[in-house]
């Protein structure tokens, strides 16, 4: 072994101890170089001396923007190298760019005013719902945030970072509440501890069994880059105690990282550059320069007319409207006509549309510009966005709310907050823990009257049911029917004639009058 190889081995061992990600990056870089050498038939030294080869390895994506990247790493291997960087850049885009406002608007559409739970248990429905209502009002570990707030944070993380993690933490609660609380785990805290860097079953903070089942997650005690705490200790959260929201892009993908913002990072930066170009162009267009042409030297005249000087010593002379200026014989004044490129606005719209496609939010919503759409075009755009919102609502229900409800009911049984033995609960777990969550209704309606009339027509023609329509509006069918029954009975007791009855009576009266000739 050469001295160079020995030094390399020593550095690798040191890197694995200090920073596993650094060690992995060194190994991946060497593997990539070996692969490129085999494909090109050249040595590593020849490749380093080739400027074109260096541009292929450059971090600046603009050097290879319209060429294939030739990625040979698996999705997890790519995330092992780039996850930290991806999370940081996504956070920066969300906090520093106006696209963060569009993400928040999307989160609002998904979460609305909260998801309504309906217990399907015949025996304990009312008891479970009552406790759930009060517990979910302040269910975070800090006893401040509600389940609605936690859901919004989770969906915001899902949109910006491609994942959201919520840990179910044991907490001793006051009487009448289950002994659990929720903690939103920042994605940067989930990482592989240095002591497990060589464990093939631990990838990017996720621990697998030999059969590929996720056993749990390693979570850092403190937030990375936190000024108040520098702890690098980790603790293990079993998979049963972690609610993990992810919409994988690939079949084998342990973490998020690939998010809506990661697709549009470069395009978003392009938009910032185009905005600056537009501002500079407007400033240049507003600038007017006057040039005095004279047959003799203008140095003395210019010095005498100067009203100020720049920091570099250039003369400035004020211009103001509504006044006469007298010039000497032989002098002539000309003005420039500054203009700006007309393509900036076109490029801004084109780039915004690219960003819209990347994040899955309609251009009109992203730019808040509906001027170019017709009535029918607006309906098509909203319908497309409605489908995206509906899919994200389903992710929240399937990955967060239903598992949380099942754990919640189990904790009620353990603490004996509902009258059932543990053995009986185990035998009937599915029936007792069964639940239906109704997502928030879709609020956008271009023509509400037409949509309601269409829904009524569908129900009358047996193409839809009242239950399906009421559920789509974010309400519980049974609760609505029970409330309507109480209202109708109360109206009858008070002698109030319902509007539909009034219409029916008037219609029958008009028909009778027409038959009998107006009753004469």
Protein backbone atom coordinates (compact mmCIF):
# COMPACT_ATOMS: atom_id res chain seq x y z
CA UNK A 1 0.00 0.00 0.00
CA UNK A 2 1.36 3.38 -1.02
CA UNK A 3 1.77 6.31 1.34
CA UNK A 4 -1.08 8.05 -0.47
CA UNK A 5 -3.38 5.06 0.10
CA UNK A 6 -2.40 4.86 3.77
CA UNK A 7 -3.14 8.54 4.28
CA UNK A 8 -6.48 8.09 2.52
CA UNK A 9 -7.40 5.17 4.79
CA UNK A 10 -6.45 7.21 7.87
CA UNK A 11 -8.58 10.16 6.72
CA UNK A 12 -11.52 7.85 6.01
CA UNK A 13 -11.34 6.39 9.52
CA UNK A 14 -11.14 9.87 11.03
CA UNK A 15 -14.09 11.06 8.90
CA UNK A 16 -16.26 8.13 9.97
CA UNK A 17 -15.65 9.07 13.59
CA UNK A 18 -16.19 12.82 13.23
CA UNK A 19 -18.78 13.06 10.45
CA UNK A 20 -20.31 9.98 8.83
CA UNK A 21 -21.77 12.08 6.02
CA UNK A 22 -18.29 13.40 5.20
CA UNK A 23 -16.93 9.86 5.07
CA UNK A 24 -19.78 8.70 2.86
CA UNK A 25 -19.27 11.65 0.54
CA UNK A 26 -15.58 10.77 0.17
CA UNK A 27 -16.42 7.18 -0.70
CA UNK A 28 -19.13 8.20 -3.20
CA UNK A 29 -16.81 10.69 -4.88
CA UNK A 30 -14.12 8.06 -5.32
CA UNK A 31 -16.66 5.57 -6.69
CA UNK A 32 -17.95 8.16 -9.17
CA UNK A 33 -14.44 8.97 -10.35
CA UNK A 34 -13.60 5.29 -10.81
CA UNK A 35 -16.77 4.81 -12.84
CA UNK A 36 -16.04 7.83 -15.01
CA UNK A 37 -12.46 6.64 -15.55
CA UNK A 38 -13.70 3.25 -16.71
CA UNK A 39 -16.21 4.82 -19.09
CA UNK A 40 -13.75 7.31 -20.56
CA UNK A 41 -10.71 5.07 -20.55
CA UNK A 42 -8.64 7.81 -18.99
CA UNK A 43 -6.89 8.26 -15.70
CA UNK A 44 -8.13 10.45 -12.90
CA UNK A 45 -5.36 12.97 -13.50
CA UNK A 46 -6.41 13.43 -17.13
CA UNK A 47 -9.98 14.03 -16.03
CA UNK A 48 -9.05 16.65 -13.46
CA UNK A 49 -7.08 18.55 -16.11
CA UNK A 50 -10.05 18.60 -18.50
CA UNK A 51 -12.14 21.75 -17.92
CA UNK A 52 -15.23 20.14 -19.42
CA UNK A 53 -14.96 17.24 -17.01
CA UNK A 54 -14.67 19.63 -14.07
CA UNK A 55 -17.87 21.38 -15.17
CA UNK A 56 -19.68 18.03 -15.07
CA UNK A 57 -18.72 17.67 -11.41
CA UNK A 58 -19.48 21.29 -10.59
CA UNK A 59 -22.18 22.09 -8.03
CA UNK A 60 -23.48 24.89 -10.23
CA UNK A 61 -26.37 23.25 -12.08
CA UNK A 62 -26.41 25.94 -14.76
CA UNK A 63 -23.31 24.41 -16.37
CA UNK A 64 -25.27 21.23 -17.09
CA UNK A 65 -28.83 22.48 -17.01
CA UNK A 66 -29.78 21.09 -20.41
CA UNK A 67 -27.71 17.91 -20.27
CA UNK A 68 -28.38 14.60 -18.62
CA UNK A 69 -26.87 14.35 -15.16
CA UNK A 70 -26.19 10.59 -15.41
CA UNK A 71 -27.08 9.81 -11.81
CA UNK A 72 -25.97 6.35 -10.78
CA UNK A 73 -26.85 6.58 -7.08
CA UNK A 74 -30.04 5.18 -5.62
CA UNK A 75 -32.57 7.66 -4.18
CA UNK A 76 -31.44 6.86 -0.63
CA UNK A 77 -27.77 7.24 -1.57
CA UNK A 78 -28.54 10.60 -3.15
CA UNK A 79 -30.39 11.70 -0.03
CA UNK A 80 -27.52 10.58 2.19
CA UNK A 81 -25.31 13.06 0.37
CA UNK A 82 -27.74 15.91 -0.27
CA UNK A 83 -30.50 15.71 2.38
CA UNK A 84 -29.03 18.31 4.76
CA UNK A 85 -28.41 20.73 1.91
CA UNK A 86 -31.87 20.11 0.45
CA UNK A 87 -33.58 20.76 3.79
CA UNK A 88 -31.68 23.98 4.38
CA UNK A 89 -32.32 25.35 0.89
CA UNK A 90 -36.01 24.44 1.01
CA UNK A 91 -36.31 26.25 4.33
CA UNK A 92 -34.58 29.30 2.88
CA UNK A 93 -36.91 29.36 -0.12
CA UNK A 94 -39.98 29.08 2.09
CA UNK A 95 -38.94 31.80 4.53
CA UNK A 96 -37.25 34.25 2.15
CA UNK A 97 -39.29 33.99 -1.05
CA UNK A 98 -42.91 34.84 -1.78
CA UNK A 99 -43.47 31.23 -2.86
CA UNK A 100 -43.77 30.54 0.87
CA UNK A 101 -47.07 32.45 0.83
CA UNK A 102 -48.40 30.16 -1.91
CA UNK A 103 -47.36 27.13 0.16
CA UNK A 104 -49.24 28.55 3.16
CA UNK A 105 -52.33 29.09 1.02
CA UNK A 106 -52.11 25.46 -0.08
CA UNK A 107 -51.78 24.37 3.56
CA UNK A 108 -54.87 26.40 4.44
CA UNK A 109 -56.87 24.69 1.71
CA UNK A 110 -55.78 21.25 2.93
CA UNK A 111 -56.31 21.81 6.65
CA UNK A 112 -59.16 24.32 6.58
CA UNK A 113 -60.63 24.61 10.07
CA UNK A 114 -59.75 21.02 10.93
CA UNK A 115 -60.82 17.45 10.20
CA UNK A 116 -64.01 16.20 11.88
CA UNK A 117 -63.86 12.80 13.57
CA UNK A 118 -66.75 10.38 13.82
CA UNK A 119 -66.31 7.29 15.96
CA UNK A 120 -67.88 4.19 14.45
CA UNK A 121 -67.99 2.39 17.80
CA UNK A 122 -71.54 1.49 18.82
CA UNK A 123 -70.83 1.48 22.56
CA UNK A 124 -68.31 4.23 23.22
CA UNK A 125 -68.78 6.75 20.41
CA UNK A 126 -69.93 9.71 22.50
CA UNK A 127 -67.40 9.10 25.28
CA UNK A 128 -64.43 8.85 22.90
CA UNK A 129 -65.46 11.92 20.90
CA UNK A 130 -65.90 14.03 24.03
CA UNK A 131 -62.43 13.19 25.35
CA UNK A 132 -60.92 13.62 21.85
CA UNK A 133 -62.45 17.07 21.55
CA UNK A 134 -60.88 18.35 24.76
CA UNK A 135 -57.56 16.51 24.41
CA UNK A 136 -56.95 17.72 20.83
CA UNK A 137 -57.36 21.36 21.91
CA UNK A 138 -53.90 21.27 23.57
CA UNK A 139 -52.24 17.99 22.72
CA UNK A 140 -48.65 19.12 22.08
CA UNK A 141 -45.80 18.40 24.49
CA UNK A 142 -45.59 22.10 25.32
CA UNK A 143 -49.33 22.12 26.14
CA UNK A 144 -49.80 25.06 23.79
CA UNK A 145 -50.58 23.80 20.29
CA UNK A 146 -53.77 22.11 19.18
CA UNK A 147 -54.07 19.19 16.80
CA UNK A 148 -55.16 21.67 14.11
CA UNK A 149 -51.93 23.66 14.56
CA UNK A 150 -49.83 20.49 14.53
CA UNK A 151 -51.57 19.36 11.34
CA UNK A 152 -50.75 22.68 9.66
CA UNK A 153 -47.09 22.45 10.71
CA UNK A 154 -46.93 18.88 9.42
CA UNK A 155 -48.48 19.78 6.05
CA UNK A 156 -46.17 22.80 5.72
CA UNK A 157 -43.17 20.55 6.34
CA UNK A 158 -44.58 18.01 3.89
CA UNK A 159 -44.81 20.65 1.15
CA UNK A 160 -41.42 22.26 1.76
CA UNK A 161 -39.33 19.25 2.79
CA UNK A 162 -41.19 16.29 1.37
CA UNK A 163 -41.87 14.75 4.77
CA UNK A 164 -43.29 15.40 8.23
CA UNK A 165 -42.62 13.49 11.45
CA UNK A 166 -44.80 13.62 14.56
CA UNK A 167 -43.80 11.62 17.63
CA UNK A 168 -46.34 10.25 20.10
CA UNK A 169 -44.67 11.04 23.43
CA UNK A 170 -45.70 9.51 26.79
CA UNK A 171 -46.83 12.26 29.15
CA UNK A 172 -48.57 12.08 32.51
CA UNK A 173 -51.77 14.04 31.91
CA UNK A 174 -54.45 15.18 34.29
CA UNK A 175 -57.39 12.97 35.09
CA UNK A 176 -59.76 12.34 32.21
CA UNK A 177 -57.10 12.51 29.47
CA UNK A 178 -54.87 9.81 27.95
CA UNK A 179 -51.19 9.90 28.87
CA UNK A 180 -49.85 10.90 25.46
CA UNK A 181 -48.83 14.12 23.74
CA UNK A 182 -47.58 15.05 20.27
CA UNK A 183 -44.23 16.52 19.24
CA UNK A 184 -43.43 17.68 15.73
CA UNK A 185 -39.92 16.46 14.91
CA UNK A 186 -37.95 18.71 12.59
CA UNK A 187 -36.55 16.79 9.64
CA UNK A 188 -33.02 17.94 10.41
CA UNK A 189 -33.13 16.15 13.76
CA UNK A 190 -33.64 12.72 12.16
CA UNK A 191 -30.16 11.47 11.34
CA UNK A 192 -27.90 8.46 11.72
CA UNK A 193 -25.85 8.55 14.94
CA UNK A 194 -22.08 8.24 14.36
CA UNK A 195 -22.01 4.92 16.23
CA UNK A 196 -24.38 3.43 13.61
CA UNK A 197 -22.67 4.83 10.52
CA UNK A 198 -21.43 1.37 9.52
CA UNK A 199 -24.76 -0.36 10.18
CA UNK A 200 -26.27 -1.37 6.84
CA UNK A 201 -29.75 -1.41 8.37
CA UNK A 202 -29.64 2.27 9.36
CA UNK A 203 -30.07 4.78 6.53
CA UNK A 204 -30.53 8.53 6.97
CA UNK A 205 -31.75 8.05 10.53
CA UNK A 206 -34.21 5.24 9.66
CA UNK A 207 -33.62 1.79 11.18
CA UNK A 208 -34.72 -1.25 9.16
CA UNK A 209 -35.04 -4.91 9.99
CA UNK A 210 -33.23 -7.47 7.86
CA UNK A 211 -36.51 -7.97 6.01
CA UNK A 212 -36.88 -4.27 5.13
CA UNK A 213 -39.48 -3.31 7.75
CA UNK A 214 -39.05 0.12 9.34
CA UNK A 215 -38.35 -0.38 13.05
CA UNK A 216 -37.94 3.24 14.09
CA UNK A 217 -36.10 6.53 13.78
CA UNK A 218 -33.03 8.05 15.42
CA UNK A 219 -33.72 11.59 16.58
CA UNK A 220 -31.15 14.12 17.72
CA UNK A 221 -31.79 15.67 21.14
CA UNK A 222 -31.41 19.22 19.90
CA UNK A 223 -31.96 21.10 16.69
CA UNK A 224 -28.82 21.28 14.50
CA UNK A 225 -27.30 24.77 14.29
CA UNK A 226 -29.16 25.78 17.47
CA UNK A 227 -27.24 28.46 19.36
CA UNK A 228 -28.68 27.50 22.76
CA UNK A 229 -28.01 23.78 22.64
CA UNK A 230 -25.18 21.88 21.02
CA UNK A 231 -26.07 18.34 22.05
CA UNK A 232 -25.27 15.62 19.52
CA UNK A 233 -26.87 12.81 21.50
CA UNK A 234 -29.64 10.77 19.90
CA UNK A 235 -32.63 8.76 21.08
CA UNK A 236 -34.63 6.08 19.31
CA UNK A 237 -38.33 6.44 18.47
CA UNK A 238 -40.08 3.16 17.59
CA UNK A 239 -42.10 3.17 14.38
CA UNK A 240 -45.26 2.61 16.42
CA UNK A 241 -44.65 5.97 18.15
CA UNK A 242 -43.86 7.96 15.00
CA UNK A 243 -46.45 9.36 12.58
CA UNK A 244 -44.55 9.89 9.33
CA UNK A 245 -46.07 11.72 6.37
CA UNK A 246 -44.36 11.09 3.05
CA UNK A 247 -45.41 10.77 -0.58
CA UNK A 248 -42.48 8.78 -2.03
CA UNK A 249 -41.32 9.51 -5.54
CA UNK A 250 -39.51 6.17 -5.81
CA UNK A 251 -40.15 2.59 -4.73
CA UNK A 252 -37.24 2.57 -2.26
CA UNK A 253 -37.10 5.93 -0.47
CA UNK A 254 -36.50 6.21 3.27
CA UNK A 255 -36.94 9.95 3.68
CA UNK A 256 -38.50 12.98 2.01
CA UNK A 257 -35.92 15.45 0.74
CA UNK A 258 -37.44 15.32 -2.73
CA UNK A 259 -40.09 17.98 -2.21
CA UNK A 260 -42.17 20.40 -4.23
CA UNK A 261 -39.60 23.12 -3.58
CA UNK A 262 -36.63 20.98 -4.57
CA UNK A 263 -38.02 20.82 -8.10
CA UNK A 264 -38.26 24.58 -8.47
CA UNK A 265 -35.21 25.77 -6.51
CA UNK A 266 -33.31 26.98 -9.59
CA UNK A 267 -36.43 28.38 -11.24
CA UNK A 268 -37.26 30.34 -8.08
CA UNK A 269 -33.79 31.84 -8.06
CA UNK A 270 -34.20 32.67 -11.75
CA UNK A 271 -37.38 34.55 -10.84
CA UNK A 272 -35.50 36.57 -8.23
CA UNK A 273 -32.92 37.50 -10.88
CA UNK A 274 -35.64 38.44 -13.35
CA UNK A 275 -37.36 40.63 -10.75
CA UNK A 276 -34.09 42.43 -10.14
CA UNK A 277 -33.58 42.82 -13.89
CA UNK A 278 -37.04 44.35 -14.15
CA UNK A 279 -36.25 46.86 -11.38
CA UNK A 280 -32.92 47.78 -12.96
CA UNK A 281 -34.65 48.15 -16.34
CA UNK A 282 -37.28 50.48 -14.86
CA UNK A 283 -34.56 52.56 -13.22
CA UNK A 284 -32.63 52.78 -16.47
CA UNK A 285 -35.78 53.78 -18.34
CA UNK A 286 -36.33 56.62 -15.86
CA UNK A 287 -32.83 58.00 -16.33
CA UNK A 288 -32.39 60.97 -18.67
CA UNK A 289 -29.00 62.25 -19.77
CA UNK A 290 -28.56 65.65 -21.42
CA UNK A 291 -25.52 66.25 -23.64
CA UNK A 292 -24.40 69.77 -24.57
CA UNK A 293 -22.52 69.93 -27.85
CA UNK A 294 -20.42 73.03 -28.49
CA UNK A 295 -17.67 73.99 -30.84
CA UNK A 296 -15.35 75.14 -28.07
CA UNK A 297 -14.19 73.22 -25.00
CA UNK A 298 -17.03 72.55 -22.58
CA UNK A 299 -14.84 71.81 -19.59
CA UNK A 300 -15.10 75.23 -18.00
CA UNK A 301 -18.84 75.55 -18.72
CA UNK A 302 -19.56 72.12 -17.30
CA UNK A 303 -17.57 72.81 -14.16
CA UNK A 304 -19.36 76.06 -13.61
CA UNK A 305 -22.82 74.53 -14.08
CA UNK A 306 -22.19 71.54 -11.80
CA UNK A 307 -24.35 71.37 -8.69
CA UNK A 308 -22.57 68.43 -7.12
CA UNK A 309 -20.12 65.60 -7.60
CA UNK A 310 -20.30 61.84 -7.23
CA UNK A 311 -17.93 59.90 -4.97
CA UNK A 312 -15.79 59.18 -8.03
CA UNK A 313 -15.52 62.86 -8.93
CA UNK A 314 -18.08 62.95 -11.75
CA UNK A 315 -20.04 66.19 -12.11
CA UNK A 316 -23.78 66.33 -11.51
CA UNK A 317 -26.14 68.98 -12.80
CA UNK A 318 -29.77 69.31 -11.70
CA UNK A 319 -32.66 69.15 -14.16
CA UNK A 320 -36.08 70.56 -13.40
CA UNK A 321 -39.19 71.16 -15.54
CA UNK A 322 -40.89 74.45 -16.28
CA UNK A 323 -37.89 76.70 -16.79
CA UNK A 324 -35.92 78.29 -19.62
CA UNK A 325 -32.24 77.68 -20.22
CA UNK A 326 -30.15 79.89 -22.47
CA UNK A 327 -27.30 78.38 -24.41
CA UNK A 328 -24.38 79.98 -26.12
CA UNK A 329 -24.12 80.29 -29.90
CA UNK A 330 -22.90 77.04 -31.44
CA UNK A 331 -24.22 74.89 -28.55
CA UNK A 332 -26.74 72.12 -29.09
CA UNK A 333 -28.47 69.94 -26.47
CA UNK A 334 -29.44 66.33 -27.17
CA UNK A 335 -31.10 63.78 -24.87
CA UNK A 336 -30.83 60.03 -24.77
CA UNK A 337 -33.94 57.85 -25.00
CA UNK A 338 -33.35 54.99 -22.52
CA UNK A 339 -35.44 51.86 -22.87
CA UNK A 340 -35.57 48.44 -21.29
CA UNK A 341 -35.91 44.96 -22.71
CA UNK A 342 -39.51 43.96 -23.29
CA UNK A 343 -38.73 40.27 -22.70
CA UNK A 344 -38.40 40.56 -18.90
CA UNK A 345 -42.14 40.41 -18.27
CA UNK A 346 -42.55 37.49 -20.67
CA UNK A 347 -39.74 35.57 -19.01
CA UNK A 348 -41.21 36.29 -15.58
CA UNK A 349 -44.57 34.82 -16.60
CA UNK A 350 -42.90 31.82 -18.24
CA UNK A 351 -40.77 31.15 -15.15
CA UNK A 352 -43.76 31.54 -12.83
CA UNK A 353 -45.65 28.97 -14.89
CA UNK A 354 -42.70 26.59 -14.61
CA UNK A 355 -42.71 27.05 -10.82
CA UNK A 356 -46.46 26.48 -10.80
CA UNK A 357 -46.09 23.11 -12.52
CA UNK A 358 -43.25 22.12 -10.20
CA UNK A 359 -45.05 22.80 -6.90
CA UNK A 360 -48.49 21.66 -8.08
CA UNK A 361 -50.19 25.00 -7.43
CA UNK A 362 -52.04 26.67 -10.35
CA UNK A 363 -50.30 29.64 -11.93
CA UNK A 364 -53.32 31.84 -11.24
CA UNK A 365 -53.19 31.01 -7.52
CA UNK A 366 -49.40 31.32 -7.38
CA UNK A 367 -49.36 34.72 -9.08
CA UNK A 368 -52.80 35.88 -7.89
CA UNK A 369 -53.49 36.82 -11.51
CA UNK A 370 -56.79 35.61 -13.00
CA UNK A 371 -57.11 38.24 -15.71
CA UNK A 372 -56.31 35.97 -18.65
CA UNK A 373 -58.86 33.27 -17.73
CA UNK A 374 -62.41 32.91 -18.92
CA UNK A 375 -65.22 31.72 -16.66
CA UNK A 376 -64.93 28.11 -17.84
CA UNK A 377 -61.13 28.29 -17.73
CA UNK A 378 -61.24 29.32 -14.09
CA UNK A 379 -63.45 26.33 -13.28
CA UNK A 380 -60.98 23.96 -14.95
CA UNK A 381 -58.04 25.42 -13.04
CA UNK A 382 -59.82 25.17 -9.69
CA UNK A 383 -60.96 21.63 -10.42
CA UNK A 384 -57.35 20.56 -11.09
CA UNK A 385 -56.19 22.18 -7.85
CA UNK A 386 -59.11 20.60 -6.02
CA UNK A 387 -57.86 17.13 -6.95
CA UNK A 388 -54.36 17.93 -5.63
CA UNK A 389 -55.83 19.26 -2.38
CA UNK A 390 -58.01 16.15 -2.03
CA UNK A 391 -55.00 13.84 -2.40
CA UNK A 392 -53.11 15.73 0.31
CA UNK A 393 -56.13 15.56 2.61
CA UNK A 394 -56.11 11.79 2.17
CA UNK A 395 -52.42 11.65 3.13
CA UNK A 396 -53.21 13.56 6.33
CA UNK A 397 -56.07 11.21 7.18
CA UNK A 398 -54.27 7.95 6.35
CA UNK A 399 -50.81 8.74 7.73
CA UNK A 400 -51.63 11.02 10.66
CA UNK A 401 -55.20 11.06 11.93
CA UNK A 402 -56.30 7.41 11.71
CA UNK A 403 -53.11 5.99 13.35
CA UNK A 404 -53.31 8.72 15.99
CA UNK A 405 -56.98 7.91 16.71
CA UNK A 406 -56.21 4.20 17.09
CA UNK A 407 -53.42 4.97 19.54
CA UNK A 408 -55.67 7.44 21.34
CA UNK A 409 -58.41 4.83 21.89
CA UNK A 410 -55.83 2.30 23.11
CA UNK A 411 -54.59 4.80 25.68
CA UNK A 412 -58.15 5.41 26.83
CA UNK A 413 -58.51 1.69 27.50
CA UNK A 414 -55.17 1.50 29.31
CA UNK A 415 -56.10 4.41 31.58
CA UNK A 416 -59.63 2.98 32.02
CA UNK A 417 -61.32 6.09 30.70
CA UNK A 418 -63.88 3.93 28.89
CA UNK A 419 -65.61 0.97 30.49
CA UNK A 420 -64.01 -1.98 28.73
CA UNK A 421 -61.38 -4.51 29.78
CA UNK A 422 -58.06 -4.81 27.99
CA UNK A 423 -58.79 -8.39 26.93
CA UNK A 424 -62.18 -7.45 25.46
CA UNK A 425 -60.62 -4.49 23.66
CA UNK A 426 -57.97 -6.71 22.08
CA UNK A 427 -60.69 -9.00 20.74
CA UNK A 428 -62.70 -6.09 19.32
CA UNK A 429 -59.93 -3.58 18.61
CA UNK A 430 -60.92 -2.93 14.99
CA UNK A 431 -64.61 -2.25 15.75
CA UNK A 432 -63.96 -0.08 18.79
CA UNK A 433 -61.14 1.90 17.13
CA UNK A 434 -62.96 2.36 13.83
CA UNK A 435 -63.27 6.01 12.83
CA UNK A 436 -64.19 8.20 9.89
CA UNK A 437 -62.57 11.60 9.38
CA UNK A 438 -64.38 14.18 7.30
CA UNK A 439 -61.96 16.60 5.61
CA UNK A 440 -62.62 20.35 5.42
CA UNK A 441 -64.91 21.34 2.55
CA UNK A 442 -63.65 22.82 -0.69
CA UNK A 443 -64.39 26.51 -0.32
CA UNK A 444 -63.98 27.77 -3.87
CA UNK A 445 -67.18 28.01 -5.90
CA UNK A 446 -67.34 30.23 -8.98
CA UNK A 447 -71.12 29.89 -9.24
CA UNK A 448 -72.54 28.48 -5.97
CA UNK A 449 -76.14 28.55 -7.15
CA UNK A 450 -75.45 26.38 -10.19
CA UNK A 451 -73.40 23.93 -8.14
CA UNK A 452 -76.14 23.52 -5.52
CA UNK A 453 -78.81 23.09 -8.23
CA UNK A 454 -76.62 20.48 -9.94
CA UNK A 455 -76.19 18.60 -6.65
CA UNK A 456 -79.97 18.62 -6.05
CA UNK A 457 -80.59 17.35 -9.57
CA UNK A 458 -78.11 14.51 -9.07
CA UNK A 459 -79.83 13.47 -5.84
CA UNK A 460 -83.30 13.68 -7.40
CA UNK A 461 -82.19 11.49 -10.32
CA UNK A 462 -80.52 8.98 -7.96
CA UNK A 463 -77.06 9.80 -9.32
CA UNK A 464 -75.83 10.83 -5.88
CA UNK A 465 -76.89 10.62 -2.24
CA UNK A 466 -77.46 13.26 0.39
CA UNK A 467 -74.90 11.56 2.61
CA UNK A 468 -72.19 11.77 -0.09
CA UNK A 469 -72.93 15.43 -0.79
CA UNK A 470 -73.09 16.47 2.87
CA UNK A 471 -69.82 14.65 3.56
CA UNK A 472 -68.17 16.42 0.61
CA UNK A 473 -69.15 19.70 2.27
CA UNK A 474 -67.20 18.74 5.38
CA UNK A 475 -70.20 17.88 7.55
CA UNK A 476 -71.37 14.72 9.28
CA UNK A 477 -74.49 13.27 7.65
CA UNK A 478 -76.03 11.83 10.82
CA UNK A 479 -75.42 15.04 12.77
CA UNK A 480 -77.01 17.14 10.01
CA UNK A 481 -80.06 14.86 9.81
CA UNK A 482 -80.54 14.85 13.58
CA UNK A 483 -80.24 18.62 13.72
CA UNK A 484 -82.71 19.04 10.84
CA UNK A 485 -85.17 16.75 12.64
CA UNK A 486 -84.95 18.89 15.77
CA UNK A 487 -85.39 22.05 13.72
CA UNK A 488 -88.44 20.72 11.87
CA UNK A 489 -90.08 19.58 15.12
CA UNK A 490 -89.35 22.95 16.72
CA UNK A 491 -90.83 24.79 13.72
CA UNK A 492 -93.98 22.70 13.93
CA UNK A 493 -94.32 23.40 17.65
CA UNK A 494 -93.95 27.12 17.00
CA UNK A 495 -96.33 27.13 14.05
CA UNK A 496 -93.63 28.11 11.56
CA UNK A 497 -94.37 26.93 8.04
CA UNK A 498 -91.19 25.69 6.29
CA UNK A 499 -90.36 27.45 2.99
CA UNK A 500 -90.72 24.24 0.95
CA UNK A 501 -94.23 23.70 2.39
CA UNK A 502 -95.20 27.28 1.55
CA UNK A 503 -94.03 26.78 -2.04
CA UNK A 504 -95.96 23.52 -2.33
CA UNK A 505 -99.17 25.08 -0.97
CA UNK A 506 -98.91 28.05 -3.33
CA UNK A 507 -98.27 25.73 -6.26
CA UNK A 508 -101.30 23.59 -5.44
CA UNK A 509 -103.47 26.69 -4.98
CA UNK A 510 -102.43 28.09 -8.33
CA UNK A 511 -103.20 24.77 -10.00
CA UNK A 512 -106.68 24.69 -8.44
CA UNK A 513 -107.40 28.23 -9.55
CA UNK A 514 -106.39 27.42 -13.10
CA UNK A 515 -108.69 24.35 -13.13
CA UNK A 516 -111.74 26.08 -11.64
CA UNK A 517 -111.31 29.32 -13.49
CA UNK A 518 -109.96 31.22 -10.54
CA UNK A 519 -112.67 29.95 -8.18
CA UNK A 520 -115.53 31.89 -9.83
